Amino acid sequence: MQILIRRIINLPVRTRSGQVLGRVVDSIIDTETGRIAFLLVRSRGLIQGLMGDALKIAWSQIISIDDKDVVVTDLVVREEAASLALSTPSTAVNQKTFAE
């Protein structure tokens, strides 16, 4: 199946379990393959508070796309949260403390 990127822009994005993540705002193309590598999703509410303005969702994490929404794996939220946790200074200090 082929679809124009303009038909994906502004579609709502949700996880398989139904959690709404936001709306597609852009895409990132891999210049070596010419394929879409990531969708950028503008998040809202609690998700935005935890992870900033945009989620970068790998194409491999997309389960389905239709004219109503984009469905992604539940792991998207867990991976973004883990990435955020590892990048915070307090976590780095805690990890250092445990290592000593």
N, C-alpha and C. Protein backbone atom coordinates (compact mmCIF):
# COMPACT_ATOMS: atom_id res chain seq x y z
N MET A 1 0.84 -1.19 0.00
CA MET A 1 0.00 0.00 0.00
C MET A 1 0.88 1.24 0.00
N GLN A 2 0.47 2.23 -0.73
CA GLN A 2 1.16 3.51 -0.75
C GLN A 2 0.19 4.60 -0.34
N ILE A 3 0.71 5.60 0.37
CA ILE A 3 -0.14 6.70 0.84
C ILE A 3 0.68 7.98 0.79
N LEU A 4 0.06 9.07 0.44
CA LEU A 4 0.72 10.37 0.43
C LEU A 4 0.96 10.83 1.86
N ILE A 5 2.13 11.41 2.11
CA ILE A 5 2.45 11.87 3.47
C ILE A 5 1.46 12.94 3.92
N ARG A 6 0.95 13.73 3.00
CA ARG A 6 -0.01 14.78 3.40
C ARG A 6 -1.29 14.18 3.98
N ARG A 7 -1.58 12.92 3.66
CA ARG A 7 -2.76 12.26 4.23
C ARG A 7 -2.49 11.75 5.65
N ILE A 8 -1.22 11.64 6.00
CA ILE A 8 -0.85 11.18 7.34
C ILE A 8 -0.74 12.36 8.30
N ILE A 9 -0.27 13.51 7.79
CA ILE A 9 -0.12 14.70 8.63
C ILE A 9 -1.46 15.03 9.28
N ASN A 10 -1.41 15.29 10.58
CA ASN A 10 -2.57 15.63 11.43
C ASN A 10 -3.43 14.44 11.84
N LEU A 11 -3.09 13.22 11.39
CA LEU A 11 -3.83 12.07 11.88
C LEU A 11 -3.52 11.85 13.36
N PRO A 12 -4.50 11.46 14.16
CA PRO A 12 -4.23 11.11 15.55
C PRO A 12 -3.39 9.83 15.62
N VAL A 13 -2.55 9.76 16.64
CA VAL A 13 -1.70 8.59 16.86
C VAL A 13 -2.06 8.01 18.22
N ARG A 14 -2.27 6.70 18.24
CA ARG A 14 -2.59 6.03 19.50
C ARG A 14 -1.82 4.72 19.58
N THR A 15 -1.67 4.23 20.79
CA THR A 15 -1.03 2.94 20.98
C THR A 15 -2.04 1.84 20.75
N ARG A 16 -1.55 0.63 20.62
CA ARG A 16 -2.43 -0.53 20.43
C ARG A 16 -3.45 -0.63 21.57
N SER A 17 -3.04 -0.26 22.78
CA SER A 17 -3.94 -0.34 23.93
C SER A 17 -4.89 0.85 24.03
N GLY A 18 -4.78 1.82 23.11
CA GLY A 18 -5.73 2.92 23.05
C GLY A 18 -5.27 4.24 23.61
N GLN A 19 -4.05 4.34 24.12
CA GLN A 19 -3.56 5.61 24.66
C GLN A 19 -3.28 6.58 23.52
N VAL A 20 -3.92 7.75 23.57
CA VAL A 20 -3.72 8.77 22.53
C VAL A 20 -2.40 9.49 22.81
N LEU A 21 -1.52 9.52 21.80
CA LEU A 21 -0.21 10.14 21.94
C LEU A 21 -0.15 11.54 21.37
N GLY A 22 -0.99 11.85 20.40
CA GLY A 22 -0.97 13.17 19.77
C GLY A 22 -1.32 13.05 18.30
N ARG A 23 -0.77 13.98 17.50
CA ARG A 23 -1.04 14.00 16.05
C ARG A 23 0.27 14.06 15.28
N VAL A 24 0.28 13.44 14.11
CA VAL A 24 1.46 13.45 13.24
C VAL A 24 1.67 14.88 12.74
N VAL A 25 2.91 15.39 12.91
CA VAL A 25 3.22 16.74 12.44
C VAL A 25 4.26 16.75 11.33
N ASP A 26 5.06 15.68 11.22
CA ASP A 26 6.10 15.66 10.20
C ASP A 26 6.66 14.25 10.09
N SER A 27 7.61 14.09 9.19
CA SER A 27 8.28 12.80 9.04
C SER A 27 9.76 13.05 8.79
N ILE A 28 10.56 12.02 9.04
CA ILE A 28 12.00 12.07 8.76
C ILE A 28 12.30 10.98 7.76
N ILE A 29 12.95 11.36 6.67
CA ILE A 29 13.28 10.41 5.61
C ILE A 29 14.75 10.01 5.72
N ASP A 30 15.01 8.73 5.61
CA ASP A 30 16.38 8.21 5.56
C ASP A 30 16.89 8.46 4.14
N THR A 31 17.88 9.32 4.01
CA THR A 31 18.37 9.69 2.67
C THR A 31 19.10 8.56 1.97
N GLU A 32 19.57 7.58 2.73
CA GLU A 32 20.25 6.44 2.10
C GLU A 32 19.27 5.47 1.46
N THR A 33 18.11 5.28 2.09
CA THR A 33 17.13 4.33 1.56
C THR A 33 15.98 5.00 0.82
N GLY A 34 15.78 6.29 1.08
CA GLY A 34 14.65 7.00 0.48
C GLY A 34 13.32 6.67 1.13
N ARG A 35 13.36 6.03 2.29
CA ARG A 35 12.13 5.63 2.99
C ARG A 35 11.92 6.48 4.24
N ILE A 36 10.67 6.53 4.68
CA ILE A 36 10.37 7.22 5.93
C ILE A 36 10.96 6.41 7.07
N ALA A 37 11.76 7.07 7.90
CA ALA A 37 12.38 6.40 9.04
C ALA A 37 11.58 6.65 10.33
N PHE A 38 11.03 7.85 10.47
CA PHE A 38 10.32 8.24 11.69
C PHE A 38 9.13 9.12 11.36
N LEU A 39 8.12 9.05 12.20
CA LEU A 39 7.04 10.03 12.22
C LEU A 39 7.25 10.89 13.45
N LEU A 40 7.07 12.19 13.31
CA LEU A 40 7.12 13.09 14.46
C LEU A 40 5.69 13.37 14.88
N VAL A 41 5.43 13.20 16.17
CA VAL A 41 4.08 13.31 16.71
C VAL A 41 4.08 14.38 17.78
N ARG A 42 3.23 15.38 17.62
CA ARG A 42 3.07 16.41 18.64
C ARG A 42 2.19 15.84 19.72
N SER A 43 2.73 15.82 20.93
CA SER A 43 2.01 15.20 22.05
C SER A 43 1.22 16.23 22.82
N ARG A 44 0.33 15.72 23.68
CA ARG A 44 -0.54 16.57 24.48
C ARG A 44 -0.62 16.04 25.90
N GLY A 45 -1.11 16.89 26.79
CA GLY A 45 -1.43 16.47 28.15
C GLY A 45 -0.26 15.87 28.90
N LEU A 46 -0.51 14.79 29.62
CA LEU A 46 0.50 14.13 30.45
C LEU A 46 1.68 13.67 29.62
N ILE A 47 1.42 13.13 28.43
CA ILE A 47 2.51 12.67 27.57
C ILE A 47 3.42 13.83 27.24
N GLN A 48 2.85 15.00 26.94
CA GLN A 48 3.67 16.17 26.62
C GLN A 48 4.48 16.58 27.83
N GLY A 49 3.87 16.56 29.00
CA GLY A 49 4.58 16.93 30.21
C GLY A 49 5.76 16.02 30.50
N LEU A 50 5.62 14.75 30.20
CA LEU A 50 6.69 13.79 30.46
C LEU A 50 7.77 13.78 29.39
N MET A 51 7.39 14.01 28.15
CA MET A 51 8.32 13.77 27.06
C MET A 51 8.58 14.96 26.15
N GLY A 52 8.12 16.14 26.51
CA GLY A 52 8.37 17.29 25.66
C GLY A 52 7.33 17.40 24.55
N ASP A 53 7.63 18.26 23.59
CA ASP A 53 6.66 18.57 22.54
C ASP A 53 6.42 17.47 21.53
N ALA A 54 7.47 16.77 21.10
CA ALA A 54 7.29 15.82 20.00
C ALA A 54 7.88 14.45 20.33
N LEU A 55 7.18 13.43 19.89
CA LEU A 55 7.67 12.06 19.98
C LEU A 55 8.23 11.69 18.61
N LYS A 56 9.33 10.98 18.59
CA LYS A 56 9.94 10.50 17.35
C LYS A 56 9.66 9.00 17.31
N ILE A 57 8.75 8.60 16.43
CA ILE A 57 8.30 7.20 16.39
C ILE A 57 8.90 6.52 15.17
N ALA A 58 9.67 5.47 15.42
CA ALA A 58 10.31 4.72 14.33
C ALA A 58 9.26 4.03 13.48
N TRP A 59 9.53 3.96 12.19
CA TRP A 59 8.59 3.31 11.27
C TRP A 59 8.31 1.87 11.69
N SER A 60 9.32 1.21 12.25
CA SER A 60 9.16 -0.19 12.68
C SER A 60 8.18 -0.34 13.84
N GLN A 61 7.86 0.76 14.53
CA GLN A 61 6.93 0.71 15.66
C GLN A 61 5.48 0.96 15.24
N ILE A 62 5.28 1.24 13.96
CA ILE A 62 3.93 1.51 13.47
C ILE A 62 3.24 0.20 13.12
N ILE A 63 2.07 0.00 13.68
CA ILE A 63 1.29 -1.21 13.43
C ILE A 63 0.39 -1.02 12.22
N SER A 64 -0.31 0.12 12.17
CA SER A 64 -1.21 0.36 11.04
C SER A 64 -1.42 1.85 10.82
N ILE A 65 -1.77 2.18 9.58
CA ILE A 65 -2.16 3.54 9.21
C ILE A 65 -3.39 3.41 8.32
N ASP A 66 -4.42 4.18 8.67
CA ASP A 66 -5.59 4.25 7.79
C ASP A 66 -6.05 5.70 7.73
N ASP A 67 -7.22 5.96 7.18
CA ASP A 67 -7.67 7.34 7.04
C ASP A 67 -8.17 7.95 8.35
N LYS A 68 -8.21 7.14 9.44
CA LYS A 68 -8.69 7.63 10.73
C LYS A 68 -7.58 7.88 11.74
N ASP A 69 -6.56 7.00 11.77
CA ASP A 69 -5.49 7.16 12.75
C ASP A 69 -4.28 6.31 12.43
N VAL A 70 -3.24 6.53 13.22
CA VAL A 70 -2.01 5.74 13.16
C VAL A 70 -1.94 4.97 14.47
N VAL A 71 -1.74 3.67 14.39
CA VAL A 71 -1.64 2.83 15.59
C VAL A 71 -0.19 2.37 15.72
N VAL A 72 0.37 2.56 16.92
CA VAL A 72 1.76 2.18 17.18
C VAL A 72 1.83 1.19 18.33
N THR A 73 2.98 0.56 18.48
CA THR A 73 3.16 -0.40 19.57
C THR A 73 3.10 0.31 20.92
N ASP A 74 2.72 -0.41 21.94
CA ASP A 74 2.69 0.15 23.29
C ASP A 74 4.10 0.48 23.77
N LEU A 75 5.11 -0.12 23.19
CA LEU A 75 6.49 0.12 23.60
C LEU A 75 6.95 1.54 23.32
N VAL A 76 6.29 2.25 22.41
CA VAL A 76 6.69 3.62 22.09
C VAL A 76 6.74 4.46 23.35
N VAL A 77 5.70 4.40 24.16
CA VAL A 77 5.63 5.21 25.38
C VAL A 77 6.70 4.76 26.36
N ARG A 78 6.89 3.47 26.54
CA ARG A 78 7.90 2.97 27.47
C ARG A 78 9.30 3.38 27.05
N GLU A 79 9.60 3.28 25.75
CA GLU A 79 10.94 3.63 25.27
C GLU A 79 11.20 5.12 25.43
N GLU A 80 10.23 5.96 25.14
CA GLU A 80 10.40 7.40 25.31
C GLU A 80 10.60 7.74 26.78
N ALA A 81 9.83 7.12 27.67
CA ALA A 81 9.96 7.38 29.10
C ALA A 81 11.33 6.92 29.60
N ALA A 82 11.79 5.78 29.14
CA ALA A 82 13.11 5.27 29.54
C ALA A 82 14.21 6.20 29.05
N SER A 83 14.08 6.69 27.85
CA SER A 83 15.06 7.61 27.29
C SER A 83 15.11 8.89 28.11
N LEU A 84 13.95 9.39 28.50
CA LEU A 84 13.87 10.58 29.32
C LEU A 84 14.51 10.34 30.68
N ALA A 85 14.22 9.22 31.30
CA ALA A 85 14.76 8.91 32.62
C ALA A 85 16.28 8.84 32.59
N LEU A 86 16.85 8.27 31.55
CA LEU A 86 18.30 8.14 31.47
C LEU A 86 18.99 9.47 31.19
N SER A 87 18.26 10.44 30.66
CA SER A 87 18.89 11.71 30.32
C SER A 87 18.79 12.75 31.43
N THR A 88 18.06 12.46 32.51
CA THR A 88 17.94 13.44 33.58
C THR A 88 19.14 13.37 34.50
N PRO A 89 19.65 14.54 34.95
CA PRO A 89 20.84 14.56 35.81
C PRO A 89 20.67 13.77 37.10
N SER A 90 19.49 13.84 37.73
CA SER A 90 19.31 13.13 39.00
C SER A 90 19.44 11.62 38.81
N THR A 91 18.98 11.12 37.69
CA THR A 91 19.11 9.69 37.42
C THR A 91 20.57 9.32 37.23
N ALA A 92 21.31 10.17 36.53
CA ALA A 92 22.73 9.89 36.31
C ALA A 92 23.47 9.85 37.64
N VAL A 93 23.13 10.75 38.56
CA VAL A 93 23.77 10.75 39.87
C VAL A 93 23.41 9.47 40.61
N ASN A 94 22.14 9.08 40.57
CA ASN A 94 21.71 7.85 41.23
C ASN A 94 22.41 6.64 40.66
N GLN A 95 22.58 6.59 39.34
CA GLN A 95 23.27 5.46 38.73
C GLN A 95 24.72 5.42 39.18
N LYS A 96 25.35 6.58 39.30
CA LYS A 96 26.74 6.64 39.74
C LYS A 96 26.85 6.15 41.18
N THR A 97 25.92 6.57 42.02
CA THR A 97 25.92 6.15 43.42
C THR A 97 25.81 4.64 43.53
N PHE A 98 24.93 4.03 42.75
CA PHE A 98 24.78 2.58 42.79
C PHE A 98 26.02 1.87 42.28
N ALA A 99 26.73 2.47 41.34
CA ALA A 99 27.91 1.84 40.77
C ALA A 99 29.07 1.84 41.75
N GLU A 100 29.10 2.81 42.64
CA GLU A 100 30.22 2.92 43.59
C GLU A 100 30.08 1.95 44.68
